Amino acid sequence: MLKTFIATILAEALAIYGLVVGLLSVFHITSSLPIEGGVRIFAAGLTMGAAALGAGFGIGAAGSAMASATAEKPEIFSRAVVSLILAEALAIYALVTALLLVFAA
């Protein structure tokens, strides 16, 4: 039963990554933040947002194809889920990049 929700769970993780970057960015903003810090925070949000959008499209396309393929042949689930994991990896890389941008000295 959980196999049918894997694409939905991975897509929800994208929203959590965006929430983490957003909250950390908001708490990092102070009244004495220089313009370079503001640009870094903006770039972090833009990076995470664009990557989450791309990963979301990838997860949607791969999840749809995986659902169709595993409905016909359930034994190929483990091979079909690899494309979902690769699409999710894009968002994880963006999360790391965004965190580096927010906390850069």
N, C-alpha and C. Protein backbone atom coordinates (compact mmCIF):
# COMPACT_ATOMS: atom_id res chain seq x y z
N MET A 1 0.82 -1.20 0.00
CA MET A 1 0.00 0.00 0.00
C MET A 1 0.86 1.26 0.00
N LEU A 2 1.97 1.24 0.73
CA LEU A 2 2.84 2.40 0.80
C LEU A 2 3.49 2.71 -0.54
N LYS A 3 3.63 1.70 -1.38
CA LYS A 3 4.25 1.90 -2.69
C LYS A 3 3.49 2.91 -3.53
N THR A 4 2.19 3.00 -3.35
CA THR A 4 1.40 3.92 -4.15
C THR A 4 1.57 5.37 -3.71
N PHE A 5 2.05 5.58 -2.50
CA PHE A 5 2.20 6.94 -1.97
C PHE A 5 3.62 7.49 -2.06
N ILE A 6 4.54 6.74 -2.60
CA ILE A 6 5.95 7.15 -2.56
C ILE A 6 6.19 8.46 -3.32
N ALA A 7 5.54 8.65 -4.46
CA ALA A 7 5.71 9.89 -5.21
C ALA A 7 5.11 11.08 -4.45
N THR A 8 4.00 10.86 -3.79
CA THR A 8 3.37 11.93 -3.01
C THR A 8 4.24 12.31 -1.82
N ILE A 9 4.83 11.33 -1.17
CA ILE A 9 5.70 11.60 -0.03
C ILE A 9 6.94 12.38 -0.47
N LEU A 10 7.52 11.99 -1.59
CA LEU A 10 8.70 12.70 -2.08
C LEU A 10 8.36 14.13 -2.52
N ALA A 11 7.19 14.31 -3.09
CA ALA A 11 6.78 15.66 -3.48
C ALA A 11 6.53 16.53 -2.24
N GLU A 12 6.02 15.92 -1.18
CA GLU A 12 5.80 16.68 0.05
C GLU A 12 7.13 17.08 0.69
N ALA A 13 8.14 16.27 0.50
CA ALA A 13 9.47 16.60 1.04
C ALA A 13 9.99 17.89 0.41
N LEU A 14 9.64 18.16 -0.83
CA LEU A 14 10.07 19.41 -1.48
C LEU A 14 9.52 20.62 -0.74
N ALA A 15 8.27 20.53 -0.31
CA ALA A 15 7.67 21.63 0.45
C ALA A 15 8.37 21.81 1.79
N ILE A 16 8.76 20.72 2.41
CA ILE A 16 9.46 20.79 3.69
C ILE A 16 10.82 21.44 3.50
N TYR A 17 11.53 21.10 2.42
CA TYR A 17 12.83 21.74 2.15
C TYR A 17 12.65 23.24 1.98
N GLY A 18 11.64 23.65 1.25
CA GLY A 18 11.38 25.07 1.07
C GLY A 18 11.03 25.76 2.38
N LEU A 19 10.27 25.09 3.21
CA LEU A 19 9.92 25.65 4.52
C LEU A 19 11.15 25.82 5.39
N VAL A 20 12.04 24.86 5.38
CA VAL A 20 13.26 24.95 6.18
C VAL A 20 14.11 26.13 5.72
N VAL A 21 14.30 26.26 4.42
CA VAL A 21 15.10 27.37 3.89
C VAL A 21 14.42 28.70 4.20
N GLY A 22 13.12 28.76 4.05
CA GLY A 22 12.39 29.99 4.33
C GLY A 22 12.48 30.41 5.79
N LEU A 23 12.27 29.47 6.69
CA LEU A 23 12.34 29.80 8.11
C LEU A 23 13.75 30.18 8.55
N LEU A 24 14.74 29.45 8.07
CA LEU A 24 16.12 29.80 8.42
C LEU A 24 16.50 31.16 7.85
N SER A 25 15.99 31.48 6.69
CA SER A 25 16.27 32.78 6.09
C SER A 25 15.64 33.91 6.89
N VAL A 26 14.39 33.71 7.29
CA VAL A 26 13.69 34.74 8.06
C VAL A 26 14.38 34.96 9.40
N PHE A 27 14.79 33.90 10.06
CA PHE A 27 15.44 34.06 11.36
C PHE A 27 16.87 34.60 11.23
N HIS A 28 17.41 34.54 10.04
CA HIS A 28 18.77 35.05 9.82
C HIS A 28 18.78 36.55 9.51
N ILE A 29 17.64 37.10 9.17
CA ILE A 29 17.54 38.53 8.83
C ILE A 29 17.55 39.36 10.11
N THR A 30 18.45 40.31 10.15
CA THR A 30 18.53 41.25 11.28
C THR A 30 18.52 42.67 10.74
N SER A 31 18.43 43.64 11.62
CA SER A 31 18.41 45.03 11.18
C SER A 31 19.79 45.47 10.68
N SER A 32 20.83 44.78 11.09
CA SER A 32 22.18 45.15 10.66
C SER A 32 22.71 44.26 9.53
N LEU A 33 21.82 43.59 8.81
CA LEU A 33 22.22 42.71 7.72
C LEU A 33 22.70 43.55 6.53
N PRO A 34 23.92 43.32 6.06
CA PRO A 34 24.40 44.10 4.91
C PRO A 34 23.71 43.65 3.62
N ILE A 35 23.87 44.44 2.58
CA ILE A 35 23.22 44.16 1.31
C ILE A 35 23.68 42.81 0.74
N GLU A 36 24.93 42.46 0.97
CA GLU A 36 25.44 41.16 0.48
C GLU A 36 24.70 40.00 1.15
N GLY A 37 24.40 40.15 2.42
CA GLY A 37 23.65 39.12 3.13
C GLY A 37 22.23 38.98 2.60
N GLY A 38 21.62 40.12 2.28
CA GLY A 38 20.28 40.07 1.71
C GLY A 38 20.26 39.43 0.34
N VAL A 39 21.28 39.71 -0.46
CA VAL A 39 21.37 39.10 -1.78
C VAL A 39 21.59 37.59 -1.66
N ARG A 40 22.40 37.17 -0.69
CA ARG A 40 22.64 35.74 -0.47
C ARG A 40 21.36 35.04 -0.05
N ILE A 41 20.58 35.67 0.82
CA ILE A 41 19.32 35.07 1.26
C ILE A 41 18.34 34.99 0.10
N PHE A 42 18.29 36.04 -0.72
CA PHE A 42 17.42 36.01 -1.91
C PHE A 42 17.86 34.91 -2.86
N ALA A 43 19.17 34.77 -3.07
CA ALA A 43 19.68 33.73 -3.96
C ALA A 43 19.38 32.34 -3.41
N ALA A 44 19.43 32.19 -2.10
CA ALA A 44 19.11 30.90 -1.49
C ALA A 44 17.65 30.54 -1.72
N GLY A 45 16.76 31.49 -1.55
CA GLY A 45 15.35 31.24 -1.80
C GLY A 45 15.06 30.96 -3.26
N LEU A 46 15.71 31.70 -4.13
CA LEU A 46 15.53 31.48 -5.56
C LEU A 46 16.06 30.12 -5.98
N THR A 47 17.20 29.73 -5.44
CA THR A 47 17.78 28.42 -5.74
C THR A 47 16.86 27.30 -5.29
N MET A 48 16.39 27.39 -4.07
CA MET A 48 15.52 26.33 -3.55
C MET A 48 14.19 26.30 -4.28
N GLY A 49 13.63 27.45 -4.58
CA GLY A 49 12.35 27.49 -5.28
C GLY A 49 12.43 26.93 -6.69
N ALA A 50 13.45 27.33 -7.44
CA ALA A 50 13.59 26.84 -8.81
C ALA A 50 13.88 25.35 -8.85
N ALA A 51 14.74 24.89 -7.93
CA ALA A 51 15.06 23.46 -7.91
C ALA A 51 13.86 22.62 -7.46
N ALA A 52 13.09 23.13 -6.50
CA ALA A 52 11.90 22.40 -6.06
C ALA A 52 10.86 22.34 -7.17
N LEU A 53 10.75 23.40 -7.95
CA LEU A 53 9.82 23.39 -9.07
C LEU A 53 10.25 22.35 -10.11
N GLY A 54 11.53 22.34 -10.45
CA GLY A 54 12.02 21.36 -11.41
C GLY A 54 11.90 19.94 -10.89
N ALA A 55 12.25 19.73 -9.62
CA ALA A 55 12.14 18.41 -9.03
C ALA A 55 10.67 17.97 -8.94
N GLY A 56 9.79 18.90 -8.70
CA GLY A 56 8.37 18.58 -8.65
C GLY A 56 7.84 18.10 -10.00
N PHE A 57 8.27 18.77 -11.06
CA PHE A 57 7.88 18.30 -12.40
C PHE A 57 8.46 16.92 -12.67
N GLY A 58 9.71 16.72 -12.27
CA GLY A 58 10.34 15.41 -12.47
C GLY A 58 9.65 14.31 -11.69
N ILE A 59 9.33 14.58 -10.44
CA ILE A 59 8.64 13.59 -9.61
C ILE A 59 7.25 13.31 -10.16
N GLY A 60 6.58 14.35 -10.65
CA GLY A 60 5.24 14.14 -11.21
C GLY A 60 5.26 13.26 -12.45
N ALA A 61 6.20 13.53 -13.34
CA ALA A 61 6.29 12.73 -14.56
C ALA A 61 6.74 11.31 -14.25
N ALA A 62 7.78 11.19 -13.41
CA ALA A 62 8.29 9.86 -13.07
C ALA A 62 7.29 9.07 -12.23
N GLY A 63 6.59 9.74 -11.33
CA GLY A 63 5.60 9.06 -10.50
C GLY A 63 4.43 8.55 -11.31
N SER A 64 4.01 9.32 -12.28
CA SER A 64 2.93 8.87 -13.16
C SER A 64 3.35 7.66 -13.98
N ALA A 65 4.55 7.74 -14.53
CA ALA A 65 5.05 6.61 -15.32
C ALA A 65 5.27 5.38 -14.43
N MET A 66 5.76 5.60 -13.21
CA MET A 66 5.98 4.48 -12.30
C MET A 66 4.67 3.81 -11.92
N ALA A 67 3.64 4.60 -11.67
CA ALA A 67 2.35 4.04 -11.30
C ALA A 67 1.77 3.20 -12.44
N SER A 68 1.91 3.70 -13.65
CA SER A 68 1.40 2.95 -14.80
C SER A 68 2.20 1.67 -15.03
N ALA A 69 3.51 1.77 -14.91
CA ALA A 69 4.36 0.61 -15.17
C ALA A 69 4.18 -0.46 -14.10
N THR A 70 4.11 -0.06 -12.85
CA THR A 70 3.97 -1.06 -11.79
C THR A 70 2.57 -1.64 -11.71
N ALA A 71 1.59 -0.96 -12.29
CA ALA A 71 0.24 -1.54 -12.35
C ALA A 71 0.24 -2.73 -13.30
N GLU A 72 1.04 -2.64 -14.35
CA GLU A 72 1.12 -3.75 -15.30
C GLU A 72 2.08 -4.83 -14.83
N LYS A 73 3.25 -4.41 -14.30
CA LYS A 73 4.27 -5.36 -13.83
C LYS A 73 4.77 -4.93 -12.46
N PRO A 74 4.21 -5.45 -11.39
CA PRO A 74 4.62 -5.04 -10.04
C PRO A 74 6.08 -5.35 -9.72
N GLU A 75 6.68 -6.28 -10.42
CA GLU A 75 8.06 -6.67 -10.10
C GLU A 75 9.09 -5.62 -10.51
N ILE A 76 8.71 -4.61 -11.29
CA ILE A 76 9.68 -3.59 -11.72
C ILE A 76 9.64 -2.35 -10.83
N PHE A 77 9.01 -2.44 -9.68
CA PHE A 77 8.90 -1.27 -8.79
C PHE A 77 10.26 -0.74 -8.38
N SER A 78 11.16 -1.62 -7.99
CA SER A 78 12.45 -1.15 -7.50
C SER A 78 13.26 -0.44 -8.58
N ARG A 79 13.10 -0.85 -9.83
CA ARG A 79 13.79 -0.15 -10.92
C ARG A 79 13.08 1.14 -11.28
N ALA A 80 11.77 1.19 -11.12
CA ALA A 80 11.01 2.38 -11.49
C ALA A 80 11.18 3.50 -10.46
N VAL A 81 11.44 3.14 -9.22
CA VAL A 81 11.54 4.16 -8.17
C VAL A 81 12.88 4.91 -8.25
N VAL A 82 13.84 4.39 -8.99
CA VAL A 82 15.14 5.05 -9.12
C VAL A 82 14.99 6.44 -9.75
N SER A 83 14.12 6.57 -10.74
CA SER A 83 13.91 7.88 -11.37
C SER A 83 13.31 8.88 -10.39
N LEU A 84 12.46 8.42 -9.48
CA LEU A 84 11.93 9.31 -8.45
C LEU A 84 13.03 9.79 -7.51
N ILE A 85 13.90 8.88 -7.15
CA ILE A 85 14.98 9.23 -6.23
C ILE A 85 15.94 10.23 -6.89
N LEU A 86 16.20 10.05 -8.17
CA LEU A 86 17.09 10.99 -8.86
C LEU A 86 16.47 12.37 -8.97
N ALA A 87 15.16 12.44 -9.18
CA ALA A 87 14.50 13.74 -9.22
C ALA A 87 14.52 14.40 -7.84
N GLU A 88 14.38 13.62 -6.79
CA GLU A 88 14.44 14.16 -5.43
C GLU A 88 15.84 14.65 -5.08
N ALA A 89 16.85 14.00 -5.64
CA ALA A 89 18.23 14.39 -5.36
C ALA A 89 18.50 15.82 -5.81
N LEU A 90 17.85 16.26 -6.87
CA LEU A 90 18.00 17.64 -7.33
C LEU A 90 17.60 18.62 -6.24
N ALA A 91 16.52 18.35 -5.55
CA ALA A 91 16.07 19.23 -4.47
C ALA A 91 17.00 19.16 -3.26
N ILE A 92 17.56 17.99 -2.99
CA ILE A 92 18.49 17.87 -1.87
C ILE A 92 19.75 18.68 -2.14
N TYR A 93 20.25 18.63 -3.37
CA TYR A 93 21.42 19.43 -3.73
C TYR A 93 21.11 20.92 -3.58
N ALA A 94 19.92 21.33 -3.98
CA ALA A 94 19.54 22.74 -3.84
C ALA A 94 19.40 23.13 -2.37
N LEU A 95 18.91 22.22 -1.54
CA LEU A 95 18.81 22.50 -0.11
C LEU A 95 20.18 22.75 0.49
N VAL A 96 21.14 21.92 0.14
CA VAL A 96 22.50 22.11 0.65
C VAL A 96 23.07 23.44 0.16
N THR A 97 22.86 23.74 -1.12
CA THR A 97 23.35 25.01 -1.68
C THR A 97 22.70 26.20 -0.99
N ALA A 98 21.39 26.13 -0.78
CA ALA A 98 20.68 27.23 -0.12
C ALA A 98 21.15 27.43 1.31
N LEU A 99 21.39 26.34 2.02
CA LEU A 99 21.89 26.47 3.40
C LEU A 99 23.28 27.06 3.43
N LEU A 100 24.10 26.69 2.48
CA LEU A 100 25.43 27.30 2.39
C LEU A 100 25.33 28.79 2.10
N LEU A 101 24.40 29.18 1.26
CA LEU A 101 24.22 30.61 0.95
C LEU A 101 23.71 31.38 2.16
N VAL A 102 22.78 30.82 2.89
CA VAL A 102 22.22 31.52 4.05
C VAL A 102 23.27 31.69 5.14
N PHE A 103 24.06 30.65 5.38
CA PHE A 103 25.00 30.70 6.49
C PHE A 103 26.42 31.01 6.09
N ALA A 104 26.63 31.51 4.87
CA ALA A 104 27.99 31.88 4.43
C ALA A 104 28.45 33.08 5.25
N ALA A 105 29.70 33.04 5.60
CA ALA A 105 30.24 34.12 6.45
C ALA A 105 30.67 35.31 5.62
